[in-house]
Every structure is written in structure tokens, then in C-alpha cells.
Amino acid sequence: MMRVTTLYASSAASTAAYYTAYLTQAPGEVPGSWMGGQAVALGLAGPVAGEQLVALLGGNDPVTGRGIGRALTDRTTADGRLVKAVAGFDATLSAPKPVSVLWALTGDPG
């Protein structure tokens, strides 16, 4: 099962705290690591730091602090609706519930 969550630029600081602090406090969890061509191009390597993630979710280069591309700002439409600036997406893959229940009931020896 895949769940996709939208990450908004206006909440970059709280989103970064969630991914770099809160989630890594769970037993058995480890900090995320930068990977891929874009990470290399931006000079990112090793564990994901909260400050770097805040910068990226805010539309800024995590090393220089300069804006990357178009500014990520919320806007209001002509009819008064607020359109939040999207900074990214979080895609989470998980086993279907019956698989999780089966695992919970049978245990995991290792």
C-alpha cells in the first residue's frame, strides 16, 4: 500500500523536525541519508540535518541559502482561496493490514 502526503513550504520547519527528530526517536529507526544525483549536485551527503531539510522545503539551496528556482510562497486566487506552495511529497510504502496482523500474531524470531 502506498500513501502520499503533500509537504508544504509554509510548514518547512515543523515538517523537517518531524522527519529528522521525531521519527528517528522510535526504537530501531535511524536518521535518513541523502542520496541520488540531486543530493550530490547540491553538495549533500551523509545523514539528513534538520537545517538542510528546512532550507530545501523552503525552496532554498541548503549550502548557500539562495533560492532555487521559483520562490515557494502561498498565494491567494482571485476568488479568495488560499493555495499553499507545495515543497514536495512523502511517499510511504507499507504492507497491507492483514500482513501486519499476521506478523503481529506470529512474532518475528529475528
PDB file of N, CA and C in Angstrom:
ATOM      1  N   MET A   1       0.847  -1.162   0.000  1.00  0.00           N
ATOM      2  CA  MET A   1       0.000   0.000   0.000  1.00  0.00           C
ATOM      3  C   MET A   1       0.896   1.229   0.000  1.00  0.00           C
ATOM      4  N   MET A   2       0.527   2.225  -0.787  1.00  0.00           N
ATOM      5  CA  MET A   2       1.311   3.456  -0.815  1.00  0.00           C
ATOM      6  C   MET A   2       0.437   4.627  -0.382  1.00  0.00           C
ATOM      7  N   ARG A   3       1.000   5.447   0.499  1.00  0.00           N
ATOM      8  CA  ARG A   3       0.320   6.656   0.951  1.00  0.00           C
ATOM      9  C   ARG A   3       1.213   7.832   0.576  1.00  0.00           C
ATOM     10  N   VAL A   4       0.620   8.853  -0.030  1.00  0.00           N
ATOM     11  CA  VAL A   4       1.377  10.037  -0.430  1.00  0.00           C
ATOM     12  C   VAL A   4       0.868  11.235   0.364  1.00  0.00           C
ATOM     13  N   THR A   5       1.798  11.933   1.018  1.00  0.00           N
ATOM     14  CA  THR A   5       1.475  13.114   1.807  1.00  0.00           C
ATOM     15  C   THR A   5       2.123  14.329   1.158  1.00  0.00           C
ATOM     16  N   THR A   6       1.392  15.409   1.035  1.00  0.00           N
ATOM     17  CA  THR A   6       1.932  16.645   0.475  1.00  0.00           C
ATOM     18  C   THR A   6       2.686  17.412   1.554  1.00  0.00           C
ATOM     19  N   LEU A   7       3.881  17.889   1.215  1.00  0.00           N
ATOM     20  CA  LEU A   7       4.694  18.696   2.123  1.00  0.00           C
ATOM     21  C   LEU A   7       4.623  20.143   1.651  1.00  0.00           C
ATOM     22  N   TYR A   8       4.227  21.050   2.542  1.00  0.00           N
ATOM     23  CA  TYR A   8       4.042  22.446   2.179  1.00  0.00           C
ATOM     24  C   TYR A   8       5.224  23.300   2.645  1.00  0.00           C
ATOM     25  N   ALA A   9       5.583  24.281   1.842  1.00  0.00           N
ATOM     26  CA  ALA A   9       6.698  25.172   2.156  1.00  0.00           C
ATOM     27  C   ALA A   9       6.431  25.977   3.414  1.00  0.00           C
ATOM     28  N   SER A  10       5.184  26.353   3.648  1.00  0.00           N
ATOM     29  CA  SER A  10       4.855  27.198   4.804  1.00  0.00           C
ATOM     30  C   SER A  10       5.085  26.495   6.138  1.00  0.00           C
ATOM     31  N   SER A  11       5.151  25.169   6.122  1.00  0.00           N
ATOM     32  CA  SER A  11       5.391  24.432   7.368  1.00  0.00           C
ATOM     33  C   SER A  11       6.729  23.694   7.315  1.00  0.00           C
ATOM     34  N   ALA A  12       7.707  24.264   6.623  1.00  0.00           N
ATOM     35  CA  ALA A  12       9.003  23.615   6.422  1.00  0.00           C
ATOM     36  C   ALA A  12       9.677  23.254   7.738  1.00  0.00           C
ATOM     37  N   ALA A  13       9.675  24.158   8.707  1.00  0.00           N
ATOM     38  CA  ALA A  13      10.376  23.899   9.971  1.00  0.00           C
ATOM     39  C   ALA A  13       9.755  22.742  10.741  1.00  0.00           C
ATOM     40  N   SER A  14       8.440  22.710  10.859  1.00  0.00           N
ATOM     41  CA  SER A  14       7.807  21.624  11.605  1.00  0.00           C
ATOM     42  C   SER A  14       7.908  20.300  10.847  1.00  0.00           C
ATOM     43  N   THR A  15       7.843  20.351   9.523  1.00  0.00           N
ATOM     44  CA  THR A  15       7.998  19.141   8.719  1.00  0.00           C
ATOM     45  C   THR A  15       9.401  18.574   8.878  1.00  0.00           C
ATOM     46  N   ALA A  16      10.409  19.436   8.813  1.00  0.00           N
ATOM     47  CA  ALA A  16      11.793  18.979   8.978  1.00  0.00           C
ATOM     48  C   ALA A  16      12.015  18.396  10.361  1.00  0.00           C
ATOM     49  N   ALA A  17      11.447  19.003  11.386  1.00  0.00           N
ATOM     50  CA  ALA A  17      11.583  18.481  12.746  1.00  0.00           C
ATOM     51  C   ALA A  17      10.947  17.094  12.850  1.00  0.00           C
ATOM     52  N   TYR A  18       9.806  16.920  12.219  1.00  0.00           N
ATOM     53  CA  TYR A  18       9.120  15.626  12.238  1.00  0.00           C
ATOM     54  C   TYR A  18      10.007  14.540  11.617  1.00  0.00           C
ATOM     55  N   TYR A  19      10.576  14.826  10.451  1.00  0.00           N
ATOM     56  CA  TYR A  19      11.362  13.817   9.747  1.00  0.00           C
ATOM     57  C   TYR A  19      12.757  13.604  10.332  1.00  0.00           C
ATOM     58  N   THR A  20      13.370  14.620  10.903  1.00  0.00           N
ATOM     59  CA  THR A  20      14.742  14.468  11.396  1.00  0.00           C
ATOM     60  C   THR A  20      14.839  14.198  12.887  1.00  0.00           C
ATOM     61  N   ALA A  21      13.821  14.511  13.657  1.00  0.00           N
ATOM     62  CA  ALA A  21      13.892  14.305  15.106  1.00  0.00           C
ATOM     63  C   ALA A  21      12.862  13.292  15.583  1.00  0.00           C
ATOM     64  N   TYR A  22      11.595  13.601  15.422  1.00  0.00           N
ATOM     65  CA  TYR A  22      10.524  12.759  15.958  1.00  0.00           C
ATOM     66  C   TYR A  22      10.590  11.328  15.415  1.00  0.00           C
ATOM     67  N   LEU A  23      10.668  11.169  14.104  1.00  0.00           N
ATOM     68  CA  LEU A  23      10.650   9.830  13.525  1.00  0.00           C
ATOM     69  C   LEU A  23      11.873   9.019  13.906  1.00  0.00           C
ATOM     70  N   THR A  24      13.009   9.650  14.087  1.00  0.00           N
ATOM     71  CA  THR A  24      14.226   8.912  14.402  1.00  0.00           C
ATOM     72  C   THR A  24      14.300   8.507  15.869  1.00  0.00           C
ATOM     73  N   GLN A  25      13.374   8.985  16.709  1.00  0.00           N
ATOM     74  CA  GLN A  25      13.362   8.612  18.120  1.00  0.00           C
ATOM     75  C   GLN A  25      12.684   7.265  18.357  1.00  0.00           C
ATOM     76  N   ALA A  26      11.971   6.766  17.370  1.00  0.00           N
ATOM     77  CA  ALA A  26      11.301   5.473  17.517  1.00  0.00           C
ATOM     78  C   ALA A  26      12.345   4.361  17.597  1.00  0.00           C
ATOM     79  N   PRO A  27      12.094   3.339  18.396  1.00  0.00           N
ATOM     80  CA  PRO A  27      13.053   2.237  18.524  1.00  0.00           C
ATOM     81  C   PRO A  27      13.373   1.598  17.175  1.00  0.00           C
ATOM     82  N   GLY A  28      14.648   1.416  16.913  1.00  0.00           N
ATOM     83  CA  GLY A  28      15.086   0.772  15.673  1.00  0.00           C
ATOM     84  C   GLY A  28      15.200   1.691  14.480  1.00  0.00           C
ATOM     85  N   GLU A  29      14.790   2.938  14.608  1.00  0.00           N
ATOM     86  CA  GLU A  29      14.864   3.871  13.484  1.00  0.00           C
ATOM     87  C   GLU A  29      16.221   4.564  13.455  1.00  0.00           C
ATOM     88  N   VAL A  30      16.675   4.869  12.268  1.00  0.00           N
ATOM     89  CA  VAL A  30      17.936   5.585  12.096  1.00  0.00           C
ATOM     90  C   VAL A  30      17.670   6.841  11.263  1.00  0.00           C
ATOM     91  N   PRO A  31      18.504   7.864  11.382  1.00  0.00           N
ATOM     92  CA  PRO A  31      18.308   9.070  10.580  1.00  0.00           C
ATOM     93  C   PRO A  31      18.372   8.757   9.086  1.00  0.00           C
ATOM     94  N   GLY A  32      17.664   9.553   8.306  1.00  0.00           N
ATOM     95  CA  GLY A  32      17.710   9.400   6.863  1.00  0.00           C
ATOM     96  C   GLY A  32      19.066   9.822   6.327  1.00  0.00           C
ATOM     97  N   SER A  33      19.373   9.382   5.106  1.00  0.00           N
ATOM     98  CA  SER A  33      20.629   9.746   4.453  1.00  0.00           C
ATOM     99  C   SER A  33      20.338  10.364   3.103  1.00  0.00           C
ATOM    100  N   TRP A  34      21.126  11.353   2.737  1.00  0.00           N
ATOM    101  CA  TRP A  34      20.985  11.961   1.422  1.00  0.00           C
ATOM    102  C   TRP A  34      21.474  10.970   0.379  1.00  0.00           C
ATOM    103  N   MET A  35      20.757  10.877  -0.725  1.00  0.00           N
ATOM    104  CA  MET A  35      21.175  10.001  -1.811  1.00  0.00           C
ATOM    105  C   MET A  35      20.641  10.522  -3.136  1.00  0.00           C
ATOM    106  N   GLY A  36      21.262  10.105  -4.218  1.00  0.00           N
ATOM    107  CA  GLY A  36      20.810  10.470  -5.549  1.00  0.00           C
ATOM    108  C   GLY A  36      21.597  11.603  -6.166  1.00  0.00           C
ATOM    109  N   GLY A  37      21.383  11.788  -7.436  1.00  0.00           N
ATOM    110  CA  GLY A  37      22.114  12.792  -8.207  1.00  0.00           C
ATOM    111  C   GLY A  37      21.878  14.222  -7.757  1.00  0.00           C
ATOM    112  N   GLN A  38      20.643  14.550  -7.388  1.00  0.00           N
ATOM    113  CA  GLN A  38      20.356  15.917  -6.957  1.00  0.00           C
ATOM    114  C   GLN A  38      21.024  16.225  -5.627  1.00  0.00           C
ATOM    115  N   ALA A  39      21.097  15.245  -4.735  1.00  0.00           N
ATOM    116  CA  ALA A  39      21.789  15.453  -3.460  1.00  0.00           C
ATOM    117  C   ALA A  39      23.255  15.763  -3.715  1.00  0.00           C
ATOM    118  N   VAL A  40      23.866  15.004  -4.603  1.00  0.00           N
ATOM    119  CA  VAL A  40      25.276  15.240  -4.952  1.00  0.00           C
ATOM    120  C   VAL A  40      25.431  16.632  -5.556  1.00  0.00           C
ATOM    121  N   ALA A  41      24.530  16.998  -6.463  1.00  0.00           N
ATOM    122  CA  ALA A  41      24.613  18.312  -7.119  1.00  0.00           C
ATOM    123  C   ALA A  41      24.470  19.461  -6.125  1.00  0.00           C
ATOM    124  N   LEU A  42      23.727  19.233  -5.047  1.00  0.00           N
ATOM    125  CA  LEU A  42      23.535  20.269  -4.034  1.00  0.00           C
ATOM    126  C   LEU A  42      24.579  20.197  -2.914  1.00  0.00           C
ATOM    127  N   GLY A  43      25.514  19.257  -3.017  1.00  0.00           N
ATOM    128  CA  GLY A  43      26.559  19.128  -2.013  1.00  0.00           C
ATOM    129  C   GLY A  43      26.096  18.466  -0.736  1.00  0.00           C
ATOM    130  N   LEU A  44      25.067  17.621  -0.822  1.00  0.00           N
ATOM    131  CA  LEU A  44      24.522  16.946   0.359  1.00  0.00           C
ATOM    132  C   LEU A  44      25.014  15.513   0.415  1.00  0.00           C
ATOM    133  N   ALA A  45      25.493  15.112   1.594  1.00  0.00           N
ATOM    134  CA  ALA A  45      25.956  13.743   1.805  1.00  0.00           C
ATOM    135  C   ALA A  45      25.788  13.407   3.280  1.00  0.00           C
ATOM    136  N   GLY A  46      25.675  12.126   3.590  1.00  0.00           N
ATOM    137  CA  GLY A  46      25.566  11.691   4.974  1.00  0.00           C
ATOM    138  C   GLY A  46      24.159  11.842   5.515  1.00  0.00           C
ATOM    139  N   PRO A  47      24.040  11.895   6.855  1.00  0.00           N
ATOM    140  CA  PRO A  47      22.716  11.989   7.482  1.00  0.00           C
ATOM    141  C   PRO A  47      22.011  13.309   7.152  1.00  0.00           C
ATOM    142  N   VAL A  48      20.691  13.252   7.066  1.00  0.00           N
ATOM    143  CA  VAL A  48      19.895  14.442   6.786  1.00  0.00           C
ATOM    144  C   VAL A  48      19.843  15.310   8.047  1.00  0.00           C
ATOM    145  N   ALA A  49      20.295  16.552   7.928  1.00  0.00           N
ATOM    146  CA  ALA A  49      20.245  17.512   9.037  1.00  0.00           C
ATOM    147  C   ALA A  49      18.976  18.347   8.902  1.00  0.00           C
ATOM    148  N   GLY A  50      18.390  18.692  10.032  1.00  0.00           N
ATOM    149  CA  GLY A  50      17.156  19.472  10.028  1.00  0.00           C
ATOM    150  C   GLY A  50      17.275  20.784   9.291  1.00  0.00           C
ATOM    151  N   GLU A  51      18.392  21.490   9.472  1.00  0.00           N
ATOM    152  CA  GLU A  51      18.582  22.798   8.823  1.00  0.00           C
ATOM    153  C   GLU A  51      18.606  22.660   7.302  1.00  0.00           C
ATOM    154  N   GLN A  52      19.237  21.590   6.816  1.00  0.00           N
ATOM    155  CA  GLN A  52      19.291  21.359   5.372  1.00  0.00           C
ATOM    156  C   GLN A  52      17.899  21.086   4.821  1.00  0.00           C
ATOM    157  N   LEU A  53      17.136  20.276   5.536  1.00  0.00           N
ATOM    158  CA  LEU A  53      15.796  19.935   5.078  1.00  0.00           C
ATOM    159  C   LEU A  53      14.868  21.145   5.115  1.00  0.00           C
ATOM    160  N   VAL A  54      14.999  21.984   6.142  1.00  0.00           N
ATOM    161  CA  VAL A  54      14.202  23.217   6.212  1.00  0.00           C
ATOM    162  C   VAL A  54      14.502  24.089   4.994  1.00  0.00           C
ATOM    163  N   ALA A  55      15.776  24.225   4.664  1.00  0.00           N
ATOM    164  CA  ALA A  55      16.165  25.048   3.515  1.00  0.00           C
ATOM    165  C   ALA A  55      15.549  24.504   2.233  1.00  0.00           C
ATOM    166  N   LEU A  56      15.668  23.207   2.003  1.00  0.00           N
ATOM    167  CA  LEU A  56      15.121  22.617   0.782  1.00  0.00           C
ATOM    168  C   LEU A  56      13.602  22.740   0.709  1.00  0.00           C
ATOM    169  N   LEU A  57      12.926  22.463   1.816  1.00  0.00           N
ATOM    170  CA  LEU A  57      11.463  22.568   1.817  1.00  0.00           C
ATOM    171  C   LEU A  57      10.996  24.007   1.658  1.00  0.00           C
ATOM    172  N   GLY A  58      11.874  24.958   1.973  1.00  0.00           N
ATOM    173  CA  GLY A  58      11.560  26.368   1.773  1.00  0.00           C
ATOM    174  C   GLY A  58      11.962  26.881   0.407  1.00  0.00           C
ATOM    175  N   GLY A  59      12.537  25.996  -0.417  1.00  0.00           N
ATOM    176  CA  GLY A  59      12.924  26.380  -1.779  1.00  0.00           C
ATOM    177  C   GLY A  59      14.297  27.017  -1.862  1.00  0.00           C
ATOM    178  N   ASN A  60      15.162  26.711  -0.886  1.00  0.00           N
ATOM    179  CA  ASN A  60      16.491  27.317  -0.863  1.00  0.00           C
ATOM    180  C   ASN A  60      17.591  26.272  -0.928  1.00  0.00           C
ATOM    181  N   ASP A  61      18.739  26.685  -1.465  1.00  0.00           N
ATOM    182  CA  ASP A  61      19.915  25.830  -1.514  1.00  0.00           C
ATOM    183  C   ASP A  61      20.371  25.599  -0.075  1.00  0.00           C
ATOM    184  N   PRO A  62      20.547  24.349   0.353  1.00  0.00           N
ATOM    185  CA  PRO A  62      20.904  24.075   1.746  1.00  0.00           C
ATOM    186  C   PRO A  62      22.326  24.482   2.121  1.00  0.00           C
ATOM    187  N   VAL A  63      23.169  24.757   1.135  1.00  0.00           N
ATOM    188  CA  VAL A  63      24.546  25.163   1.415  1.00  0.00           C
ATOM    189  C   VAL A  63      24.684  26.679   1.391  1.00  0.00           C
ATOM    190  N   THR A  64      24.157  27.310   0.329  1.00  0.00           N
ATOM    191  CA  THR A  64      24.322  28.756   0.176  1.00  0.00           C
ATOM    192  C   THR A  64      23.158  29.558   0.740  1.00  0.00           C
ATOM    193  N   GLY A  65      21.984  28.934   0.867  1.00  0.00           N
ATOM    194  CA  GLY A  65      20.811  29.646   1.345  1.00  0.00           C
ATOM    195  C   GLY A  65      20.073  30.424   0.270  1.00  0.00           C
ATOM    196  N   ARG A  66      20.626  30.463  -0.938  1.00  0.00           N
ATOM    197  CA  ARG A  66      19.959  31.177  -2.045  1.00  0.00           C
ATOM    198  C   ARG A  66      18.778  30.373  -2.570  1.00  0.00           C
ATOM    199  N   GLY A  67      17.804  31.094  -3.112  1.00  0.00           N
ATOM    200  CA  GLY A  67      16.619  30.444  -3.658  1.00  0.00           C
ATOM    201  C   GLY A  67      16.951  29.542  -4.830  1.00  0.00           C
ATOM    202  N   ILE A  68      16.211  28.443  -4.938  1.00  0.00           N
ATOM    203  CA  ILE A  68      16.358  27.513  -6.058  1.00  0.00           C
ATOM    204  C   ILE A  68      15.086  27.613  -6.879  1.00  0.00           C
ATOM    205  N   GLY A  69      15.197  28.061  -8.095  1.00  0.00           N
ATOM    206  CA  GLY A  69      14.015  28.170  -8.945  1.00  0.00           C
ATOM    207  C   GLY A  69      13.073  29.258  -8.473  1.00  0.00           C
ATOM    208  N   ARG A  70      11.790  29.036  -8.695  1.00  0.00           N
ATOM    209  CA  ARG A  70      10.754  29.987  -8.310  1.00  0.00           C
ATOM    210  C   ARG A  70      10.535  29.962  -6.800  1.00  0.00           C
ATOM    211  N   ALA A  71      10.251  31.114  -6.234  1.00  0.00           N
ATOM    212  CA  ALA A  71      10.016  31.198  -4.782  1.00  0.00           C
ATOM    213  C   ALA A  71       8.796  30.368  -4.388  1.00  0.00           C
ATOM    214  N   LEU A  72       8.900  29.651  -3.271  1.00  0.00           N
ATOM    215  CA  LEU A  72       7.797  28.838  -2.770  1.00  0.00           C
ATOM    216  C   LEU A  72       6.988  29.656  -1.776  1.00  0.00           C
ATOM    217  N   THR A  73       5.996  30.360  -2.298  1.00  0.00           N
ATOM    218  CA  THR A  73       5.152  31.193  -1.435  1.00  0.00           C
ATOM    219  C   THR A  73       3.689  30.855  -1.681  1.00  0.00           C
ATOM    220  N   ASP A  74       2.911  30.904  -0.608  1.00  0.00           N
ATOM    221  CA  ASP A  74       1.474  30.692  -0.737  1.00  0.00           C
ATOM    222  C   ASP A  74       0.885  31.854  -1.528  1.00  0.00           C
ATOM    223  N   ARG A  75      -0.239  31.600  -2.186  1.00  0.00           N
ATOM    224  CA  ARG A  75      -0.885  32.672  -2.943  1.00  0.00           C
ATOM    225  C   ARG A  75      -2.391  32.585  -2.760  1.00  0.00           C
ATOM    226  N   THR A  76      -3.039  33.690  -3.059  1.00  0.00           N
ATOM    227  CA  THR A  76      -4.494  33.754  -2.975  1.00  0.00           C
ATOM    228  C   THR A  76      -5.049  33.926  -4.383  1.00  0.00           C
ATOM    229  N   THR A  77      -6.053  33.129  -4.717  1.00  0.00           N
ATOM    230  CA  THR A  77      -6.660  33.214  -6.046  1.00  0.00           C
ATOM    231  C   THR A  77      -7.601  34.418  -6.103  1.00  0.00           C
ATOM    232  N   ALA A  78      -8.076  34.724  -7.290  1.00  0.00           N
ATOM    233  CA  ALA A  78      -8.969  35.865  -7.489  1.00  0.00           C
ATOM    234  C   ALA A  78     -10.256  35.743  -6.673  1.00  0.00           C
ATOM    235  N   ASP A  79     -10.691  34.496  -6.430  1.00  0.00           N
ATOM    236  CA  ASP A  79     -11.919  34.308  -5.654  1.00  0.00           C
ATOM    237  C   ASP A  79     -11.643  34.148  -4.153  1.00  0.00           C
ATOM    238  N   GLY A  80     -10.407  34.417  -3.715  1.00  0.00           N
ATOM    239  CA  GLY A  80     -10.088  34.440  -2.296  1.00  0.00           C
ATOM    240  C   GLY A  80      -9.607  33.133  -1.680  1.00  0.00           C
ATOM    241  N   ARG A  81      -9.454  32.088  -2.490  1.00  0.00           N
ATOM    242  CA  ARG A  81      -8.973  30.809  -1.956  1.00  0.00           C
ATOM    243  C   ARG A  81      -7.457  30.845  -1.760  1.00  0.00           C
ATOM    244  N   LEU A  82      -6.988  30.234  -0.669  1.00  0.00           N
ATOM    245  CA  LEU A  82      -5.564  30.140  -0.395  1.00  0.00           C
ATOM    246  C   LEU A  82      -5.008  28.895  -1.073  1.00  0.00           C
ATOM    247  N   VAL A  83      -3.952  29.072  -1.848  1.00  0.00           N
ATOM    248  CA  VAL A  83      -3.268  27.956  -2.493  1.00  0.00           C
ATOM    249  C   VAL A  83      -1.881  27.868  -1.865  1.00  0.00           C
ATOM    250  N   LYS A  84      -1.654  26.778  -1.128  1.00  0.00           N
ATOM    251  CA  LYS A  84      -0.380  26.610  -0.441  1.00  0.00           C
ATOM    252  C   LYS A  84       0.700  26.144  -1.417  1.00  0.00           C
ATOM    253  N   ALA A  85       1.914  26.677  -1.235  1.00  0.00           N
ATOM    254  CA  ALA A  85       3.050  26.281  -2.062  1.00  0.00           C
ATOM    255  C   ALA A  85       3.494  24.877  -1.661  1.00  0.00           C
ATOM    256  N   VAL A  86       3.566  23.988  -2.637  1.00  0.00           N
ATOM    257  CA  VAL A  86       3.965  22.605  -2.392  1.00  0.00           C
ATOM    258  C   VAL A  86       5.481  22.486  -2.505  1.00  0.00           C
ATOM    259  N   ALA A  87       6.106  21.969  -1.436  1.00  0.00           N
ATOM    260  CA  ALA A  87       7.558  21.810  -1.412  1.00  0.00           C
ATOM    261  C   ALA A  87       7.979  20.414  -1.835  1.00  0.00           C
ATOM    262  N   GLY A  88       7.101  19.445  -1.692  1.00  0.00           N
ATOM    263  CA  GLY A  88       7.452  18.075  -2.051  1.00  0.00           C
ATOM    264  C   GLY A  88       6.372  17.103  -1.637  1.00  0.00           C
ATOM    265  N   PHE A  89       6.705  15.827  -1.762  1.00  0.00           N
ATOM    266  CA  PHE A  89       5.773  14.767  -1.418  1.00  0.00           C
ATOM    267  C   PHE A  89       6.511  13.686  -0.643  1.00  0.00           C
ATOM    268  N   ASP A  90       5.821  13.056   0.293  1.00  0.00           N
ATOM    269  CA  ASP A  90       6.356  11.932   1.049  1.00  0.00           C
ATOM    270  C   ASP A  90       5.557  10.715   0.647  1.00  0.00           C
ATOM    271  N   ALA A  91       6.209   9.761  -0.009  1.00  0.00           N
ATOM    272  CA  ALA A  91       5.554   8.519  -0.403  1.00  0.00           C
ATOM    273  C   ALA A  91       5.984   7.426   0.565  1.00  0.00           C
ATOM    274  N   THR A  92       5.018   6.830   1.256  1.00  0.00           N
ATOM    275  CA  THR A  92       5.289   5.796   2.240  1.00  0.00           C
ATOM    276  C   THR A  92       4.702   4.474   1.766  1.00  0.00           C
ATOM    277  N   LEU A  93       5.540   3.453   1.724  1.00  0.00           N
ATOM    278  CA  LEU A  93       5.089   2.118   1.341  1.00  0.00           C
ATOM    279  C   LEU A  93       4.946   1.266   2.594  1.00  0.00           C
ATOM    280  N   SER A  94       3.855   0.543   2.694  1.00  0.00           N
ATOM    281  CA  SER A  94       3.650  -0.333   3.849  1.00  0.00           C
ATOM    282  C   SER A  94       2.882  -1.576   3.413  1.00  0.00           C
ATOM    283  N   ALA A  95       3.045  -2.620   4.212  1.00  0.00           N
ATOM    284  CA  ALA A  95       2.339  -3.866   3.927  1.00  0.00           C
ATOM    285  C   ALA A  95       0.844  -3.679   4.194  1.00  0.00           C
ATOM    286  N   PRO A  96      -0.006  -4.418   3.491  1.00  0.00           N
ATOM    287  CA  PRO A  96      -1.449  -4.367   3.774  1.00  0.00           C
ATOM    288  C   PRO A  96      -1.717  -4.807   5.217  1.00  0.00           C
ATOM    289  N   LYS A  97      -2.806  -4.356   5.794  1.00  0.00           N
ATOM    290  CA  LYS A  97      -3.146  -4.646   7.192  1.00  0.00           C
ATOM    291  C   LYS A  97      -3.133  -6.138   7.519  1.00  0.00           C
ATOM    292  N   PRO A  98      -3.695  -7.029   6.677  1.00  0.00           N
ATOM    293  CA  PRO A  98      -3.652  -8.460   7.025  1.00  0.00           C
ATOM    294  C   PRO A  98      -2.223  -8.987   7.211  1.00  0.00           C
ATOM    295  N   VAL A  99      -1.275  -8.477   6.454  1.00  0.00           N
ATOM    296  CA  VAL A  99       0.114  -8.908   6.599  1.00  0.00           C
ATOM    297  C   VAL A  99       0.664  -8.429   7.940  1.00  0.00           C
ATOM    298  N   SER A 100       0.361  -7.199   8.312  1.00  0.00           N
ATOM    299  CA  SER A 100       0.809  -6.656   9.597  1.00  0.00           C
ATOM    300  C   SER A 100       0.213  -7.435  10.760  1.00  0.00           C
ATOM    301  N   VAL A 101      -1.067  -7.778  10.666  1.00  0.00           N
ATOM    302  CA  VAL A 101      -1.736  -8.540  11.724  1.00  0.00           C
ATOM    303  C   VAL A 101      -1.112  -9.927  11.833  1.00  0.00           C
ATOM    304  N   LEU A 102      -0.877 -10.582  10.703  1.00  0.00           N
ATOM    305  CA  LEU A 102      -0.254 -11.902  10.714  1.00  0.00           C
ATOM    306  C   LEU A 102       1.118 -11.848  11.374  1.00  0.00           C
ATOM    307  N   TRP A 103       1.920 -10.849  11.040  1.00  0.00           N
ATOM    308  CA  TRP A 103       3.238 -10.695  11.642  1.00  0.00           C
ATOM    309  C   TRP A 103       3.103 -10.484  13.154  1.00  0.00           C
ATOM    310  N   ALA A 104       2.164  -9.627  13.569  1.00  0.00           N
ATOM    311  CA  ALA A 104       1.988  -9.339  14.988  1.00  0.00           C
ATOM    312  C   ALA A 104       1.562 -10.574  15.772  1.00  0.00           C
ATOM    313  N   LEU A 105       0.744 -11.425  15.143  1.00  0.00           N
ATOM    314  CA  LEU A 105       0.252 -12.610  15.842  1.00  0.00           C
ATOM    315  C   LEU A 105       1.241 -13.773  15.881  1.00  0.00           C
ATOM    316  N   THR A 106       2.115 -13.837  14.891  1.00  0.00           N
ATOM    317  CA  THR A 106       3.048 -14.963  14.801  1.00  0.00           C
ATOM    318  C   THR A 106       4.421 -14.621  15.350  1.00  0.00           C
ATOM    319  N   GLY A 107       4.732 -13.359  15.484  1.00  0.00           N
ATOM    320  CA  GLY A 107       6.039 -12.968  16.013  1.00  0.00           C
ATOM    321  C   GLY A 107       7.123 -13.030  14.962  1.00  0.00           C
ATOM    322  N   ASP A 108       8.263 -12.491  15.303  1.00  0.00           N
ATOM    323  CA  ASP A 108       9.396 -12.443  14.393  1.00  0.00           C
ATOM    324  C   ASP A 108      10.626 -12.861  15.176  1.00  0.00           C
ATOM    325  N   PRO A 109      11.173 -14.057  14.888  1.00  0.00           N
ATOM    326  CA  PRO A 109      12.296 -14.544  15.694  1.00  0.00           C
ATOM    327  C   PRO A 109      13.584 -13.758  15.521  1.00  0.00           C
ATOM    328  N   GLY A 110      13.713 -12.970  14.470  1.00  0.00           N
ATOM    329  CA  GLY A 110      14.996 -12.292  14.285  1.00  0.00           C
ATOM    330  C   GLY A 110      14.798 -10.961  13.788  1.00  0.00           C
TER     331      GLY A 110
END
